[in-house]
């Protein structure tokens, strides 16, 4: 019954303008006050969004931390997000990585992606392209993307890119450069950026320059597995 109540409540809170059943809210708050990590995480989300309660980022972080300390992966991921973006706490990329790693090790795809991105960009952790590729691949296998991209949409973009659509070529290149639904592969990214650059896209030309510099600063490129 407890899980059913929390699940029903979170379904309401996920919408930016969702109406809130005050009785359900009171029940989940009581469960959060009793230390249920799932309830704590959902109420923290309410405080972040101002859903059913007054927006309070510090309170949200407090609840995320309580649930994260209990090992709840969703809270660990969200606490990492708070640290990465300075929400309710001072920005601390290393602390963000710490929490994303804990959540990623439990198999949470969102955390796998952001941990991989951290290793890819050297943000909060020493840059490590092999680890980046590992974690980004795990997230991709679970179809997680930070922008809502689906595999069907990606294939449509690929088809358009192969037909010479510049916008699709640069988008596809960006997916390979970031490891979104495809392997993190700088060579493949460069291939598509160069195709767009040949067709005169100025942003693609700049992307080629930046990515070539990026490859030059690493011990080796990121080809296939």
Protein backbone atom coordinates (compact mmCIF):
# COMPACT_ATOMS: atom_id res chain seq x y z
CA UNK A 1 0.00 0.00 0.00
CA UNK A 2 2.84 2.40 0.88
CA UNK A 3 4.54 1.90 -2.50
CA UNK A 4 1.22 2.25 -4.32
CA UNK A 5 0.52 5.56 -2.57
CA UNK A 6 3.98 6.94 -3.31
CA UNK A 7 3.78 5.76 -6.91
CA UNK A 8 0.40 7.42 -7.40
CA UNK A 9 1.67 10.62 -5.88
CA UNK A 10 4.85 10.82 -7.94
CA UNK A 11 2.79 10.37 -11.10
CA UNK A 12 1.09 13.63 -10.17
CA UNK A 13 4.26 15.48 -9.25
CA UNK A 14 6.08 14.65 -12.48
CA UNK A 15 3.99 17.10 -14.46
CA UNK A 16 5.10 20.72 -14.18
CA UNK A 17 1.51 21.87 -13.68
CA UNK A 18 0.00 18.79 -12.09
CA UNK A 19 -2.73 19.22 -9.50
CA UNK A 20 -1.95 17.65 -6.14
CA UNK A 21 -4.20 15.50 -4.00
CA UNK A 22 -3.60 17.07 -0.60
CA UNK A 23 -4.47 13.85 1.22
CA UNK A 24 -1.94 11.92 -0.86
CA UNK A 25 0.62 14.65 -0.30
CA UNK A 26 0.12 14.52 3.47
CA UNK A 27 0.50 10.74 3.44
CA UNK A 28 3.74 10.82 1.47
CA UNK A 29 5.13 13.65 3.62
CA UNK A 30 4.42 11.52 6.68
CA UNK A 31 6.27 8.62 5.08
CA UNK A 32 9.17 10.93 4.25
CA UNK A 33 9.25 12.20 7.82
CA UNK A 34 9.41 8.56 8.93
CA UNK A 35 12.55 8.14 6.83
CA UNK A 36 11.27 6.29 3.76
CA UNK A 37 13.93 7.12 1.12
CA UNK A 38 11.56 6.83 -1.82
CA UNK A 39 9.08 9.19 -0.18
CA UNK A 40 11.89 11.56 0.77
CA UNK A 41 13.01 11.67 -2.85
CA UNK A 42 9.55 12.44 -4.18
CA UNK A 43 8.88 15.14 -1.61
CA UNK A 44 12.29 16.62 -2.38
CA UNK A 45 11.20 16.81 -6.01
CA UNK A 46 8.07 18.65 -4.90
CA UNK A 47 10.19 21.21 -3.06
CA UNK A 48 12.36 21.66 -6.14
CA UNK A 49 9.34 22.30 -8.36
CA UNK A 50 7.01 23.98 -5.92
CA UNK A 51 4.39 21.27 -6.43
CA UNK A 52 2.02 21.13 -3.47
CA UNK A 53 4.56 22.91 -1.26
CA UNK A 54 6.45 26.18 -1.38
CA UNK A 55 9.58 25.88 -3.50
CA UNK A 56 12.56 25.36 -1.22
CA UNK A 57 15.82 24.18 -2.81
CA UNK A 58 17.64 23.81 0.50
CA UNK A 59 14.88 21.56 1.83
CA UNK A 60 14.96 19.55 -1.39
CA UNK A 61 18.69 18.97 -1.03
CA UNK A 62 18.25 18.01 2.62
CA UNK A 63 15.72 15.33 1.68
CA UNK A 64 17.72 14.11 -1.31
CA UNK A 65 20.77 13.76 0.94
CA UNK A 66 18.84 11.83 3.58
CA UNK A 67 17.57 9.37 0.97
CA UNK A 68 20.94 9.22 -0.79
CA UNK A 69 22.69 8.37 2.47
CA UNK A 70 20.32 5.41 2.74
CA UNK A 71 21.52 4.19 -0.66
CA UNK A 72 18.49 5.17 -2.77
CA UNK A 73 19.81 5.53 -6.33
CA UNK A 74 17.24 8.06 -7.50
CA UNK A 75 18.14 10.41 -4.67
CA UNK A 76 21.86 9.92 -5.27
CA UNK A 77 21.40 10.87 -8.91
CA UNK A 78 19.33 13.94 -8.04
CA UNK A 79 21.79 15.05 -5.38
CA UNK A 80 24.54 14.78 -7.97
CA UNK A 81 22.45 16.97 -10.28
CA UNK A 82 22.07 19.55 -7.51
CA UNK A 83 25.82 19.71 -6.96
CA UNK A 84 26.53 19.89 -10.69
CA UNK A 85 24.15 22.80 -11.15
CA UNK A 86 24.45 24.64 -7.85
CA UNK A 87 20.85 23.94 -6.84
CA UNK A 88 20.45 24.44 -3.10
CA UNK A 89 24.19 23.93 -2.61
CA UNK A 90 27.41 25.43 -3.92
CA UNK A 91 28.44 23.98 -7.26
CA UNK A 92 30.84 21.10 -6.71
CA UNK A 93 31.56 18.89 -9.72
CA UNK A 94 33.61 16.37 -7.72
CA UNK A 95 30.74 15.92 -5.26
CA UNK A 96 28.35 15.47 -8.20
CA UNK A 97 30.54 12.71 -9.59
CA UNK A 98 30.68 11.03 -6.19
CA UNK A 99 26.89 10.70 -6.03
CA UNK A 100 26.44 9.82 -9.70
CA UNK A 101 28.98 7.02 -9.30
CA UNK A 102 27.05 5.53 -6.39
CA UNK A 103 23.82 5.63 -8.38
CA UNK A 104 25.45 4.38 -11.59
CA UNK A 105 26.90 1.41 -9.76
CA UNK A 106 23.30 0.47 -8.93
CA UNK A 107 22.44 0.56 -12.64
CA UNK A 108 20.50 3.83 -12.81
CA UNK A 109 20.76 4.92 -16.47
CA UNK A 110 20.53 8.66 -15.79
CA UNK A 111 23.50 8.44 -13.43
CA UNK A 112 25.39 6.21 -15.85
CA UNK A 113 25.03 8.88 -18.51
CA UNK A 114 26.09 11.81 -16.33
CA UNK A 115 28.99 9.87 -14.85
CA UNK A 116 30.11 8.98 -18.37
CA UNK A 117 29.75 12.59 -19.44
CA UNK A 118 31.88 13.66 -16.48
CA UNK A 119 34.66 11.28 -17.48
CA UNK A 120 34.28 12.41 -21.10
CA UNK A 121 34.62 16.09 -20.25
CA UNK A 122 37.00 15.78 -17.32
CA UNK A 123 34.52 17.59 -15.11
CA UNK A 124 34.80 16.78 -11.43
CA UNK A 125 37.06 13.85 -12.22
CA UNK A 126 40.19 13.19 -14.23
CA UNK A 127 39.34 12.78 -17.88
CA UNK A 128 39.18 9.10 -18.84
CA UNK A 129 37.73 8.30 -22.25
CA UNK A 130 37.68 4.55 -21.65
CA UNK A 131 35.54 4.99 -18.53
CA UNK A 132 33.42 7.57 -20.35
CA UNK A 133 32.74 5.14 -23.14
CA UNK A 134 31.87 2.37 -20.67
CA UNK A 135 29.30 4.35 -18.71
CA UNK A 136 27.78 6.08 -21.73
CA UNK A 137 27.35 2.73 -23.44
CA UNK A 138 25.48 1.34 -20.43
CA UNK A 139 23.14 4.33 -20.47
CA UNK A 140 22.61 3.99 -24.22
CA UNK A 141 21.78 0.30 -23.87
CA UNK A 142 18.93 1.37 -21.58
CA UNK A 143 17.85 4.04 -24.10
CA UNK A 144 18.50 6.94 -21.73
CA UNK A 145 19.16 10.30 -23.35
CA UNK A 146 19.36 13.74 -21.73
CA UNK A 147 17.22 15.30 -24.46
CA UNK A 148 14.42 12.78 -25.01
CA UNK A 149 15.86 11.48 -28.27
CA UNK A 150 14.50 8.06 -29.25
CA UNK A 151 16.15 5.38 -31.35
CA UNK A 152 13.47 5.75 -34.03
CA UNK A 153 14.14 9.49 -34.22
CA UNK A 154 17.87 8.88 -34.35
CA UNK A 155 17.47 6.53 -37.30
CA UNK A 156 15.37 9.12 -39.11
CA UNK A 157 18.11 11.67 -38.47
CA UNK A 158 20.72 9.23 -39.77
CA UNK A 159 18.72 8.63 -42.94
CA UNK A 160 18.41 12.36 -43.55
CA UNK A 161 22.12 12.83 -42.85
CA UNK A 162 23.02 10.19 -45.40
CA UNK A 163 20.87 12.06 -47.93
CA UNK A 164 22.89 15.21 -47.35
CA UNK A 165 20.78 17.16 -44.86
CA UNK A 166 23.28 19.39 -43.08
CA UNK A 167 21.30 19.86 -39.88
CA UNK A 168 20.92 16.10 -39.53
CA UNK A 169 24.63 15.57 -40.20
CA UNK A 170 25.64 17.96 -37.45
CA UNK A 171 23.08 16.51 -35.03
CA UNK A 172 24.28 12.97 -35.69
CA UNK A 173 27.87 14.12 -35.29
CA UNK A 174 26.97 15.62 -31.94
CA UNK A 175 25.48 12.32 -30.79
CA UNK A 176 28.74 10.52 -31.55
CA UNK A 177 30.77 13.28 -29.91
CA UNK A 178 28.72 13.01 -26.72
CA UNK A 179 27.84 9.31 -26.71
CA UNK A 180 24.08 9.79 -26.94
CA UNK A 181 22.38 6.51 -28.02
CA UNK A 182 25.51 5.64 -30.01
CA UNK A 183 29.05 4.73 -28.94
CA UNK A 184 31.22 7.67 -27.95
CA UNK A 185 33.29 7.87 -31.14
CA UNK A 186 35.23 10.99 -32.10
CA UNK A 187 36.21 9.59 -35.50
CA UNK A 188 32.58 9.01 -36.44
CA UNK A 189 31.67 12.45 -35.11
CA UNK A 190 34.38 14.03 -37.24
CA UNK A 191 33.16 12.16 -40.29
CA UNK A 192 29.72 13.72 -40.03
CA UNK A 193 30.94 17.17 -39.01
CA UNK A 194 33.26 17.17 -42.04
CA UNK A 195 30.41 16.23 -44.38
CA UNK A 196 28.42 19.18 -43.09
CA UNK A 197 31.48 21.44 -43.29
CA UNK A 198 32.02 20.51 -46.94
CA UNK A 199 28.47 21.67 -47.57
CA UNK A 200 29.36 25.04 -46.08
CA UNK A 201 28.08 24.81 -42.52
CA UNK A 202 30.20 27.22 -40.48
CA UNK A 203 29.33 25.68 -37.12
CA UNK A 204 30.37 22.29 -38.43
CA UNK A 205 33.71 23.74 -39.55
CA UNK A 206 34.29 25.08 -36.05
CA UNK A 207 33.24 21.74 -34.55
CA UNK A 208 35.79 19.96 -36.74
CA UNK A 209 38.52 22.29 -35.50
CA UNK A 210 37.58 21.83 -31.84
CA UNK A 211 37.22 18.07 -32.08
CA UNK A 212 40.52 17.66 -33.91
CA UNK A 213 42.19 19.65 -31.12
CA UNK A 214 40.45 17.48 -28.55
CA UNK A 215 41.73 14.31 -30.18
CA UNK A 216 45.24 15.76 -30.31
CA UNK A 217 45.25 16.26 -26.54
CA UNK A 218 44.28 12.68 -25.74
CA UNK A 219 46.52 9.65 -25.78
CA UNK A 220 44.37 8.03 -28.43
CA UNK A 221 41.11 8.57 -30.26
CA UNK A 222 37.88 6.79 -29.56
CA UNK A 223 37.29 4.49 -32.50
CA UNK A 224 35.30 1.28 -32.09
CA UNK A 225 35.32 -1.01 -29.06
